[in-house]
Amino acid sequence: MIKTVIKLKNDTVMVFDARGEQMEAYQGEYDVVRRKILENAPPDAVFLYWVGSNPIPETVSREEW
């Protein structure tokens, strides 16, 4: 089950489950995987932007993501 979704500055998306394991079926280019992620992510999933040189990604709302 999707737990954490991170959009990188190059529009690549990384997705992790509750154990911190990558979920390759949901990873890839933002425009390609966005819909699939939003349809399958549970309400408690965390959405993040990781842009620039910030050491910590910014948490955003599901709607903003």
PDB file of N, CA and C in Angstrom:
ATOM      1  N   MET A   1       0.837  -1.174   0.000  1.00  0.00           N
ATOM      2  CA  MET A   1       0.000   0.000   0.000  1.00  0.00           C
ATOM      3  C   MET A   1       0.889   1.246   0.000  1.00  0.00           C
ATOM      4  N   ILE A   2       0.508   2.239  -0.778  1.00  0.00           N
ATOM      5  CA  ILE A   2       1.270   3.478  -0.885  1.00  0.00           C
ATOM      6  C   ILE A   2       1.272   4.218   0.450  1.00  0.00           C
ATOM      7  N   LYS A   3       2.436   4.652   0.883  1.00  0.00           N
ATOM      8  CA  LYS A   3       2.560   5.422   2.119  1.00  0.00           C
ATOM      9  C   LYS A   3       3.140   6.814   1.860  1.00  0.00           C
ATOM     10  N   THR A   4       4.202   6.877   1.039  1.00  0.00           N
ATOM     11  CA  THR A   4       4.895   8.141   0.791  1.00  0.00           C
ATOM     12  C   THR A   4       5.129   8.314  -0.703  1.00  0.00           C
ATOM     13  N   VAL A   5       4.801   9.515  -1.198  1.00  0.00           N
ATOM     14  CA  VAL A   5       4.973   9.839  -2.604  1.00  0.00           C
ATOM     15  C   VAL A   5       5.818  11.110  -2.694  1.00  0.00           C
ATOM     16  N   ILE A   6       6.913  11.052  -3.438  1.00  0.00           N
ATOM     17  CA  ILE A   6       7.821  12.196  -3.548  1.00  0.00           C
ATOM     18  C   ILE A   6       7.973  12.588  -5.013  1.00  0.00           C
ATOM     19  N   LYS A   7       7.682  13.847  -5.307  1.00  0.00           N
ATOM     20  CA  LYS A   7       7.907  14.398  -6.648  1.00  0.00           C
ATOM     21  C   LYS A   7       9.208  15.193  -6.599  1.00  0.00           C
ATOM     22  N   LEU A   8      10.150  14.837  -7.472  1.00  0.00           N
ATOM     23  CA  LEU A   8      11.439  15.509  -7.535  1.00  0.00           C
ATOM     24  C   LEU A   8      11.390  16.680  -8.514  1.00  0.00           C
ATOM     25  N   LYS A   9      12.402  17.531  -8.463  1.00  0.00           N
ATOM     26  CA  LYS A   9      12.404  18.736  -9.294  1.00  0.00           C
ATOM     27  C   LYS A   9      12.412  18.433 -10.790  1.00  0.00           C
ATOM     28  N   ASN A  10      12.853  17.257 -11.192  1.00  0.00           N
ATOM     29  CA  ASN A  10      12.865  16.894 -12.616  1.00  0.00           C
ATOM     30  C   ASN A  10      11.585  16.170 -13.034  1.00  0.00           C
ATOM     31  N   ASP A  11      10.539  16.261 -12.190  1.00  0.00           N
ATOM     32  CA  ASP A  11       9.232  15.644 -12.426  1.00  0.00           C
ATOM     33  C   ASP A  11       9.252  14.120 -12.391  1.00  0.00           C
ATOM     34  N   THR A  12      10.256  13.554 -11.762  1.00  0.00           N
ATOM     35  CA  THR A  12      10.291  12.122 -11.511  1.00  0.00           C
ATOM     36  C   THR A  12       9.597  11.874 -10.170  1.00  0.00           C
ATOM     37  N   VAL A  13       8.896  10.758 -10.060  1.00  0.00           N
ATOM     38  CA  VAL A  13       8.171  10.432  -8.835  1.00  0.00           C
ATOM     39  C   VAL A  13       8.737   9.149  -8.229  1.00  0.00           C
ATOM     40  N   MET A  14       8.944   9.180  -6.906  1.00  0.00           N
ATOM     41  CA  MET A  14       9.361   8.009  -6.142  1.00  0.00           C
ATOM     42  C   MET A  14       8.229   7.681  -5.175  1.00  0.00           C
ATOM     43  N   VAL A  15       7.929   6.395  -5.012  1.00  0.00           N
ATOM     44  CA  VAL A  15       6.822   5.964  -4.156  1.00  0.00           C
ATOM     45  C   VAL A  15       7.316   4.850  -3.232  1.00  0.00           C
ATOM     46  N   PHE A  16       6.898   4.930  -1.955  1.00  0.00           N
ATOM     47  CA  PHE A  16       7.331   3.964  -0.952  1.00  0.00           C
ATOM     48  C   PHE A  16       6.130   3.422  -0.185  1.00  0.00           C
ATOM     49  N   ASP A  17       6.246   2.186   0.273  1.00  0.00           N
ATOM     50  CA  ASP A  17       5.210   1.602   1.119  1.00  0.00           C
ATOM     51  C   ASP A  17       5.540   1.879   2.582  1.00  0.00           C
ATOM     52  N   ALA A  18       4.749   1.348   3.495  1.00  0.00           N
ATOM     53  CA  ALA A  18       4.925   1.613   4.925  1.00  0.00           C
ATOM     54  C   ALA A  18       6.241   1.071   5.470  1.00  0.00           C
ATOM     55  N   ARG A  19       6.849   0.106   4.802  1.00  0.00           N
ATOM     56  CA  ARG A  19       8.137  -0.451   5.237  1.00  0.00           C
ATOM     57  C   ARG A  19       9.320   0.303   4.655  1.00  0.00           C
ATOM     58  N   GLY A  20       9.033   1.325   3.815  1.00  0.00           N
ATOM     59  CA  GLY A  20      10.101   2.087   3.182  1.00  0.00           C
ATOM     60  C   GLY A  20      10.613   1.461   1.908  1.00  0.00           C
ATOM     61  N   GLU A  21       9.922   0.430   1.435  1.00  0.00           N
ATOM     62  CA  GLU A  21      10.312  -0.233   0.189  1.00  0.00           C
ATOM     63  C   GLU A  21       9.756   0.543  -0.999  1.00  0.00           C
ATOM     64  N   GLN A  22      10.565   0.681  -2.037  1.00  0.00           N
ATOM     65  CA  GLN A  22      10.103   1.377  -3.235  1.00  0.00           C
ATOM     66  C   GLN A  22       9.028   0.558  -3.941  1.00  0.00           C
ATOM     67  N   MET A  23       8.047   1.274  -4.487  1.00  0.00           N
ATOM     68  CA  MET A  23       6.956   0.643  -5.220  1.00  0.00           C
ATOM     69  C   MET A  23       7.113   1.014  -6.699  1.00  0.00           C
ATOM     70  N   GLU A  24       7.888   0.208  -7.410  1.00  0.00           N
ATOM     71  CA  GLU A  24       8.269   0.521  -8.786  1.00  0.00           C
ATOM     72  C   GLU A  24       7.083   0.684  -9.723  1.00  0.00           C
ATOM     73  N   ALA A  25       5.976   0.026  -9.454  1.00  0.00           N
ATOM     74  CA  ALA A  25       4.802   0.118 -10.338  1.00  0.00           C
ATOM     75  C   ALA A  25       4.219   1.529 -10.381  1.00  0.00           C
ATOM     76  N   TYR A  26       4.536   2.338  -9.368  1.00  0.00           N
ATOM     77  CA  TYR A  26       4.007   3.705  -9.295  1.00  0.00           C
ATOM     78  C   TYR A  26       5.062   4.764  -9.599  1.00  0.00           C
ATOM     79  N   GLN A  27       6.277   4.366  -9.849  1.00  0.00           N
ATOM     80  CA  GLN A  27       7.356   5.321 -10.051  1.00  0.00           C
ATOM     81  C   GLN A  27       7.547   5.653 -11.525  1.00  0.00           C
ATOM     82  N   GLY A  28       8.026   6.870 -11.770  1.00  0.00           N
ATOM     83  CA  GLY A  28       8.292   7.276 -13.139  1.00  0.00           C
ATOM     84  C   GLY A  28       8.043   8.757 -13.314  1.00  0.00           C
ATOM     85  N   GLU A  29       7.736   9.159 -14.546  1.00  0.00           N
ATOM     86  CA  GLU A  29       7.465  10.561 -14.857  1.00  0.00           C
ATOM     87  C   GLU A  29       6.112  10.969 -14.271  1.00  0.00           C
ATOM     88  N   TYR A  30       6.074  12.133 -13.669  1.00  0.00           N
ATOM     89  CA  TYR A  30       4.879  12.646 -12.991  1.00  0.00           C
ATOM     90  C   TYR A  30       3.625  12.553 -13.853  1.00  0.00           C
ATOM     91  N   ASP A  31       3.686  13.044 -15.087  1.00  0.00           N
ATOM     92  CA  ASP A  31       2.504  13.048 -15.958  1.00  0.00           C
ATOM     93  C   ASP A  31       2.002  11.643 -16.280  1.00  0.00           C
ATOM     94  N   VAL A  32       2.872  10.668 -16.213  1.00  0.00           N
ATOM     95  CA  VAL A  32       2.513   9.288 -16.536  1.00  0.00           C
ATOM     96  C   VAL A  32       1.897   8.566 -15.333  1.00  0.00           C
ATOM     97  N   VAL A  33       2.447   8.799 -14.127  1.00  0.00           N
ATOM     98  CA  VAL A  33       2.020   8.026 -12.947  1.00  0.00           C
ATOM     99  C   VAL A  33       1.059   8.764 -12.019  1.00  0.00           C
ATOM    100  N   ARG A  34       0.863  10.050 -12.209  1.00  0.00           N
ATOM    101  CA  ARG A  34       0.053  10.859 -11.293  1.00  0.00           C
ATOM    102  C   ARG A  34      -1.342  10.270 -11.057  1.00  0.00           C
ATOM    103  N   ARG A  35      -2.060  10.030 -12.114  1.00  0.00           N
ATOM    104  CA  ARG A  35      -3.444   9.545 -11.989  1.00  0.00           C
ATOM    105  C   ARG A  35      -3.502   8.208 -11.235  1.00  0.00           C
ATOM    106  N   LYS A  36      -2.634   7.287 -11.594  1.00  0.00           N
ATOM    107  CA  LYS A  36      -2.595   5.963 -10.964  1.00  0.00           C
ATOM    108  C   LYS A  36      -2.335   6.091  -9.461  1.00  0.00           C
ATOM    109  N   ILE A  37      -1.412   6.969  -9.100  1.00  0.00           N
ATOM    110  CA  ILE A  37      -1.095   7.175  -7.683  1.00  0.00           C
ATOM    111  C   ILE A  37      -2.293   7.751  -6.945  1.00  0.00           C
ATOM    112  N   LEU A  38      -2.887   8.801  -7.480  1.00  0.00           N
ATOM    113  CA  LEU A  38      -4.020   9.437  -6.802  1.00  0.00           C
ATOM    114  C   LEU A  38      -5.214   8.490  -6.674  1.00  0.00           C
ATOM    115  N   GLU A  39      -5.404   7.603  -7.622  1.00  0.00           N
ATOM    116  CA  GLU A  39      -6.499   6.630  -7.554  1.00  0.00           C
ATOM    117  C   GLU A  39      -6.246   5.556  -6.504  1.00  0.00           C
ATOM    118  N   ASN A  40      -4.989   5.221  -6.252  1.00  0.00           N
ATOM    119  CA  ASN A  40      -4.662   4.095  -5.378  1.00  0.00           C
ATOM    120  C   ASN A  40      -4.085   4.459  -4.016  1.00  0.00           C
ATOM    121  N   ALA A  41      -3.704   5.708  -3.823  1.00  0.00           N
ATOM    122  CA  ALA A  41      -3.126   6.109  -2.532  1.00  0.00           C
ATOM    123  C   ALA A  41      -4.232   6.226  -1.479  1.00  0.00           C
ATOM    124  N   PRO A  42      -4.014   5.646  -0.310  1.00  0.00           N
ATOM    125  CA  PRO A  42      -5.015   5.765   0.751  1.00  0.00           C
ATOM    126  C   PRO A  42      -5.049   7.193   1.307  1.00  0.00           C
ATOM    127  N   PRO A  43      -6.094   7.522   2.054  1.00  0.00           N
ATOM    128  CA  PRO A  43      -6.224   8.881   2.596  1.00  0.00           C
ATOM    129  C   PRO A  43      -5.054   9.326   3.474  1.00  0.00           C
ATOM    130  N   ASP A  44      -4.363   8.390   4.118  1.00  0.00           N
ATOM    131  CA  ASP A  44      -3.266   8.772   5.007  1.00  0.00           C
ATOM    132  C   ASP A  44      -1.900   8.818   4.308  1.00  0.00           C
ATOM    133  N   ALA A  45      -1.862   8.662   2.993  1.00  0.00           N
ATOM    134  CA  ALA A  45      -0.595   8.750   2.261  1.00  0.00           C
ATOM    135  C   ALA A  45      -0.030  10.163   2.385  1.00  0.00           C
ATOM    136  N   VAL A  46       1.293  10.249   2.389  1.00  0.00           N
ATOM    137  CA  VAL A  46       1.983  11.528   2.522  1.00  0.00           C
ATOM    138  C   VAL A  46       2.547  11.914   1.155  1.00  0.00           C
ATOM    139  N   PHE A  47       2.263  13.153   0.739  1.00  0.00           N
ATOM    140  CA  PHE A  47       2.732  13.660  -0.546  1.00  0.00           C
ATOM    141  C   PHE A  47       3.774  14.746  -0.308  1.00  0.00           C
ATOM    142  N   LEU A  48       4.894  14.651  -1.044  1.00  0.00           N
ATOM    143  CA  LEU A  48       6.015  15.560  -0.834  1.00  0.00           C
ATOM    144  C   LEU A  48       6.545  16.093  -2.150  1.00  0.00           C
ATOM    145  N   TYR A  49       7.120  17.308  -2.078  1.00  0.00           N
ATOM    146  CA  TYR A  49       7.919  17.875  -3.162  1.00  0.00           C
ATOM    147  C   TYR A  49       9.344  17.938  -2.652  1.00  0.00           C
ATOM    148  N   TRP A  50      10.286  17.515  -3.453  1.00  0.00           N
ATOM    149  CA  TRP A  50      11.697  17.619  -3.075  1.00  0.00           C
ATOM    150  C   TRP A  50      12.395  18.366  -4.197  1.00  0.00           C
ATOM    151  N   VAL A  51      12.479  19.675  -4.031  1.00  0.00           N
ATOM    152  CA  VAL A  51      13.033  20.533  -5.082  1.00  0.00           C
ATOM    153  C   VAL A  51      14.258  21.286  -4.579  1.00  0.00           C
ATOM    154  N   GLY A  52      15.049  21.757  -5.520  1.00  0.00           N
ATOM    155  CA  GLY A  52      16.227  22.534  -5.156  1.00  0.00           C
ATOM    156  C   GLY A  52      17.217  21.715  -4.373  1.00  0.00           C
ATOM    157  N   SER A  53      17.943  22.394  -3.507  1.00  0.00           N
ATOM    158  CA  SER A  53      18.963  21.721  -2.707  1.00  0.00           C
ATOM    159  C   SER A  53      18.516  21.537  -1.260  1.00  0.00           C
ATOM    160  N   ASN A  54      17.223  21.644  -1.011  1.00  0.00           N
ATOM    161  CA  ASN A  54      16.706  21.450   0.343  1.00  0.00           C
ATOM    162  C   ASN A  54      17.010  20.035   0.827  1.00  0.00           C
ATOM    163  N   PRO A  55      17.531  19.888   2.036  1.00  0.00           N
ATOM    164  CA  PRO A  55      17.825  18.554   2.547  1.00  0.00           C
ATOM    165  C   PRO A  55      16.571  17.787   2.963  1.00  0.00           C
ATOM    166  N   ILE A  56      15.459  18.509   3.126  1.00  0.00           N
ATOM    167  CA  ILE A  56      14.209  17.892   3.565  1.00  0.00           C
ATOM    168  C   ILE A  56      13.109  18.242   2.570  1.00  0.00           C
ATOM    169  N   PRO A  57      12.350  17.238   2.098  1.00  0.00           N
ATOM    170  CA  PRO A  57      11.265  17.544   1.171  1.00  0.00           C
ATOM    171  C   PRO A  57      10.124  18.286   1.863  1.00  0.00           C
ATOM    172  N   GLU A  58       9.348  19.027   1.076  1.00  0.00           N
ATOM    173  CA  GLU A  58       8.218  19.800   1.598  1.00  0.00           C
ATOM    174  C   GLU A  58       6.939  18.976   1.489  1.00  0.00           C
ATOM    175  N   THR A  59       6.224  18.837   2.596  1.00  0.00           N
ATOM    176  CA  THR A  59       4.947  18.130   2.582  1.00  0.00           C
ATOM    177  C   THR A  59       3.891  19.030   1.961  1.00  0.00           C
ATOM    178  N   VAL A  60       3.096  18.471   1.053  1.00  0.00           N
ATOM    179  CA  VAL A  60       2.036  19.215   0.385  1.00  0.00           C
ATOM    180  C   VAL A  60       0.740  18.413   0.487  1.00  0.00           C
ATOM    181  N   SER A  61      -0.363  19.083   0.248  1.00  0.00           N
ATOM    182  CA  SER A  61      -1.648  18.384   0.287  1.00  0.00           C
ATOM    183  C   SER A  61      -1.779  17.495  -0.944  1.00  0.00           C
ATOM    184  N   ARG A  62      -2.631  16.522  -0.852  1.00  0.00           N
ATOM    185  CA  ARG A  62      -2.901  15.631  -1.973  1.00  0.00           C
ATOM    186  C   ARG A  62      -3.378  16.447  -3.182  1.00  0.00           C
ATOM    187  N   GLU A  63      -4.210  17.435  -2.960  1.00  0.00           N
ATOM    188  CA  GLU A  63      -4.742  18.268  -4.036  1.00  0.00           C
ATOM    189  C   GLU A  63      -3.656  19.112  -4.695  1.00  0.00           C
ATOM    190  N   GLU A  64      -2.728  19.618  -3.905  1.00  0.00           N
ATOM    191  CA  GLU A  64      -1.631  20.426  -4.424  1.00  0.00           C
ATOM    192  C   GLU A  64      -0.616  19.601  -5.205  1.00  0.00           C
ATOM    193  N   TRP A  65      -0.451  18.346  -4.780  1.00  0.00           N
ATOM    194  CA  TRP A  65       0.532  17.492  -5.391  1.00  0.00           C
ATOM    195  C   TRP A  65       0.155  17.220  -6.826  1.00  0.00           C
TER     196      TRP A  65
END
